[in-house]
């Protein structure tokens, strides 16, 4: 702690009370010593907010598989068309070989059943 000491020279003729340390005589210079204590330093309180937290949710990876595509015959059968309609659609499409798996001239036998 820093302390400052101030000395004051009291001129002749002044009255000084020394509080029991002695008496003064008129016309005698007196030195008064007084200790000056500085005020304590000011304290401040700082409020520190906690850091912002965030939650990140990571979903597990998802595997997407495509459903196997339907053949023309399977699509016609699934949509409720008759075998006669499927046969006429095969003829109108130019009798593609992909519709007649066993090449016997009857298309869509795997979907509608054996026709020969």
C-alpha atoms as a PDB file:
ATOM      1  CA  UNK A   1       0.000   0.000   0.000  1.00  0.00           C
ATOM      2  CA  UNK A   2       1.397   3.420  -0.926  1.00  0.00           C
ATOM      3  CA  UNK A   3       1.335   5.931   1.835  1.00  0.00           C
ATOM      4  CA  UNK A   4       2.055   9.570   1.521  1.00  0.00           C
ATOM      5  CA  UNK A   5       3.368  11.650   4.356  1.00  0.00           C
ATOM      6  CA  UNK A   6       2.605  15.342   4.358  1.00  0.00           C
ATOM      7  CA  UNK A   7       4.568  17.749   6.462  1.00  0.00           C
ATOM      8  CA  UNK A   8       3.111  21.105   7.365  1.00  0.00           C
ATOM      9  CA  UNK A   9       5.154  23.856   8.868  1.00  0.00           C
ATOM     10  CA  UNK A  10       3.018  25.971  11.126  1.00  0.00           C
ATOM     11  CA  UNK A  11       4.232  29.563  11.342  1.00  0.00           C
ATOM     12  CA  UNK A  12       4.998  31.404  14.538  1.00  0.00           C
ATOM     13  CA  UNK A  13       2.052  32.510  16.559  1.00  0.00           C
ATOM     14  CA  UNK A  14      -0.169  29.666  15.408  1.00  0.00           C
ATOM     15  CA  UNK A  15      -1.673  27.348  17.893  1.00  0.00           C
ATOM     16  CA  UNK A  16      -1.224  23.667  17.336  1.00  0.00           C
ATOM     17  CA  UNK A  17      -2.604  20.888  19.370  1.00  0.00           C
ATOM     18  CA  UNK A  18      -0.406  17.844  19.403  1.00  0.00           C
ATOM     19  CA  UNK A  19      -2.835  15.626  21.246  1.00  0.00           C
ATOM     20  CA  UNK A  20      -0.779  14.946  24.369  1.00  0.00           C
ATOM     21  CA  UNK A  21       2.608  14.750  22.692  1.00  0.00           C
ATOM     22  CA  UNK A  22       3.719  18.026  24.126  1.00  0.00           C
ATOM     23  CA  UNK A  23       2.906  21.670  24.275  1.00  0.00           C
ATOM     24  CA  UNK A  24       3.897  24.442  21.973  1.00  0.00           C
ATOM     25  CA  UNK A  25       5.375  27.722  22.833  1.00  0.00           C
ATOM     26  CA  UNK A  26       4.184  30.868  21.112  1.00  0.00           C
ATOM     27  CA  UNK A  27       6.537  31.886  18.343  1.00  0.00           C
ATOM     28  CA  UNK A  28       8.128  28.460  17.968  1.00  0.00           C
ATOM     29  CA  UNK A  29       7.707  26.800  14.572  1.00  0.00           C
ATOM     30  CA  UNK A  30       5.943  23.458  14.783  1.00  0.00           C
ATOM     31  CA  UNK A  31       6.067  20.677  12.227  1.00  0.00           C
ATOM     32  CA  UNK A  32       2.874  18.623  11.977  1.00  0.00           C
ATOM     33  CA  UNK A  33       3.214  15.254  10.331  1.00  0.00           C
ATOM     34  CA  UNK A  34       0.106  13.617   9.043  1.00  0.00           C
ATOM     35  CA  UNK A  35      -0.185  10.341   7.148  1.00  0.00           C
ATOM     36  CA  UNK A  36      -2.368  10.461   4.020  1.00  0.00           C
ATOM     37  CA  UNK A  37      -3.775   7.090   3.030  1.00  0.00           C
ATOM     38  CA  UNK A  38      -5.104   6.890  -0.521  1.00  0.00           C
ATOM     39  CA  UNK A  39      -8.560   5.386  -0.934  1.00  0.00           C
ATOM     40  CA  UNK A  40      -8.644   1.696  -1.796  1.00  0.00           C
ATOM     41  CA  UNK A  41      -8.779   0.973  -5.519  1.00  0.00           C
ATOM     42  CA  UNK A  42     -12.240   0.770  -6.967  1.00  0.00           C
ATOM     43  CA  UNK A  43     -13.365  -2.777  -7.649  1.00  0.00           C
ATOM     44  CA  UNK A  44     -15.574  -3.706 -10.536  1.00  0.00           C
ATOM     45  CA  UNK A  45     -17.423  -6.906 -11.164  1.00  0.00           C
ATOM     46  CA  UNK A  46     -17.488  -8.209 -14.698  1.00  0.00           C
ATOM     47  CA  UNK A  47     -20.193 -10.666 -15.659  1.00  0.00           C
ATOM     48  CA  UNK A  48     -19.007 -12.962 -18.419  1.00  0.00           C
ATOM     49  CA  UNK A  49     -21.667 -14.862 -20.287  1.00  0.00           C
ATOM     50  CA  UNK A  50     -20.871 -18.490 -21.079  1.00  0.00           C
ATOM     51  CA  UNK A  51     -20.089 -19.196 -24.713  1.00  0.00           C
ATOM     52  CA  UNK A  52     -23.066 -19.956 -26.902  1.00  0.00           C
ATOM     53  CA  UNK A  53     -23.521 -23.653 -27.459  1.00  0.00           C
ATOM     54  CA  UNK A  54     -25.198 -25.252 -30.396  1.00  0.00           C
ATOM     55  CA  UNK A  55     -26.348 -28.787 -30.956  1.00  0.00           C
ATOM     56  CA  UNK A  56     -25.855 -30.379 -34.336  1.00  0.00           C
ATOM     57  CA  UNK A  57     -27.783 -33.552 -35.026  1.00  0.00           C
ATOM     58  CA  UNK A  58     -26.326 -35.679 -37.779  1.00  0.00           C
ATOM     59  CA  UNK A  59     -28.647 -38.261 -39.209  1.00  0.00           C
ATOM     60  CA  UNK A  60     -27.150 -41.610 -40.204  1.00  0.00           C
ATOM     61  CA  UNK A  61     -26.665 -42.049 -43.945  1.00  0.00           C
ATOM     62  CA  UNK A  62     -29.584 -43.525 -45.827  1.00  0.00           C
ATOM     63  CA  UNK A  63     -29.120 -45.871 -48.758  1.00  0.00           C
ATOM     64  CA  UNK A  64     -31.677 -45.272 -51.482  1.00  0.00           C
ATOM     65  CA  UNK A  65     -32.207 -48.122 -53.896  1.00  0.00           C
ATOM     66  CA  UNK A  66     -34.394 -47.838 -56.903  1.00  0.00           C
ATOM     67  CA  UNK A  67     -37.159 -50.304 -57.318  1.00  0.00           C
ATOM     68  CA  UNK A  68     -36.558 -52.502 -60.311  1.00  0.00           C
ATOM     69  CA  UNK A  69     -38.275 -51.044 -63.320  1.00  0.00           C
ATOM     70  CA  UNK A  70     -41.209 -52.950 -64.698  1.00  0.00           C
ATOM     71  CA  UNK A  71     -41.234 -54.384 -68.175  1.00  0.00           C
ATOM     72  CA  UNK A  72     -43.961 -53.360 -70.567  1.00  0.00           C
ATOM     73  CA  UNK A  73     -45.829 -56.614 -69.923  1.00  0.00           C
ATOM     74  CA  UNK A  74     -45.566 -56.235 -66.150  1.00  0.00           C
ATOM     75  CA  UNK A  75     -46.846 -52.652 -66.379  1.00  0.00           C
ATOM     76  CA  UNK A  76     -49.845 -53.689 -68.498  1.00  0.00           C
ATOM     77  CA  UNK A  77     -50.658 -56.536 -66.108  1.00  0.00           C
ATOM     78  CA  UNK A  78     -50.267 -54.305 -63.020  1.00  0.00           C
ATOM     79  CA  UNK A  79     -52.583 -51.702 -64.523  1.00  0.00           C
ATOM     80  CA  UNK A  80     -55.279 -54.338 -65.105  1.00  0.00           C
ATOM     81  CA  UNK A  81     -55.213 -54.674 -68.897  1.00  0.00           C
ATOM     82  CA  UNK A  82     -56.327 -57.987 -70.410  1.00  0.00           C
ATOM     83  CA  UNK A  83     -54.074 -60.373 -72.302  1.00  0.00           C
ATOM     84  CA  UNK A  84     -55.853 -59.488 -75.545  1.00  0.00           C
ATOM     85  CA  UNK A  85     -55.017 -55.809 -74.991  1.00  0.00           C
ATOM     86  CA  UNK A  86     -51.368 -56.692 -74.200  1.00  0.00           C
ATOM     87  CA  UNK A  87     -51.154 -58.873 -77.339  1.00  0.00           C
ATOM     88  CA  UNK A  88     -52.535 -56.060 -79.532  1.00  0.00           C
ATOM     89  CA  UNK A  89     -50.116 -53.573 -77.883  1.00  0.00           C
ATOM     90  CA  UNK A  90     -47.245 -55.958 -78.719  1.00  0.00           C
ATOM     91  CA  UNK A  91     -48.330 -56.192 -82.358  1.00  0.00           C
ATOM     92  CA  UNK A  92     -48.757 -52.382 -82.596  1.00  0.00           C
ATOM     93  CA  UNK A  93     -45.263 -51.881 -81.068  1.00  0.00           C
ATOM     94  CA  UNK A  94     -43.724 -53.969 -83.900  1.00  0.00           C
ATOM     95  CA  UNK A  95     -43.540 -57.301 -82.047  1.00  0.00           C
ATOM     96  CA  UNK A  96     -40.439 -56.445 -79.961  1.00  0.00           C
ATOM     97  CA  UNK A  97     -38.471 -59.496 -78.876  1.00  0.00           C
ATOM     98  CA  UNK A  98     -38.204 -58.209 -75.303  1.00  0.00           C
ATOM     99  CA  UNK A  99     -41.950 -58.927 -74.855  1.00  0.00           C
ATOM    100  CA  UNK A 100     -41.695 -62.569 -75.949  1.00  0.00           C
ATOM    101  CA  UNK A 101     -39.104 -64.247 -73.735  1.00  0.00           C
ATOM    102  CA  UNK A 102     -39.342 -67.770 -75.233  1.00  0.00           C
ATOM    103  CA  UNK A 103     -39.790 -66.516 -78.817  1.00  0.00           C
ATOM    104  CA  UNK A 104     -42.877 -68.619 -79.460  1.00  0.00           C
ATOM    105  CA  UNK A 105     -45.022 -65.764 -80.793  1.00  0.00           C
ATOM    106  CA  UNK A 106     -47.003 -65.210 -77.608  1.00  0.00           C
ATOM    107  CA  UNK A 107     -45.912 -62.099 -75.654  1.00  0.00           C
ATOM    108  CA  UNK A 108     -46.171 -61.422 -71.925  1.00  0.00           C
ATOM    109  CA  UNK A 109     -46.383 -65.093 -70.902  1.00  0.00           C
ATOM    110  CA  UNK A 110     -44.337 -64.435 -67.771  1.00  0.00           C
ATOM    111  CA  UNK A 111     -46.943 -61.899 -66.591  1.00  0.00           C
ATOM    112  CA  UNK A 112     -50.193 -63.419 -67.946  1.00  0.00           C
ATOM    113  CA  UNK A 113     -49.240 -67.098 -67.981  1.00  0.00           C
ATOM    114  CA  UNK A 114     -48.454 -69.535 -70.802  1.00  0.00           C
ATOM    115  CA  UNK A 115     -50.762 -69.038 -73.790  1.00  0.00           C
ATOM    116  CA  UNK A 116     -49.627 -71.805 -76.220  1.00  0.00           C
END
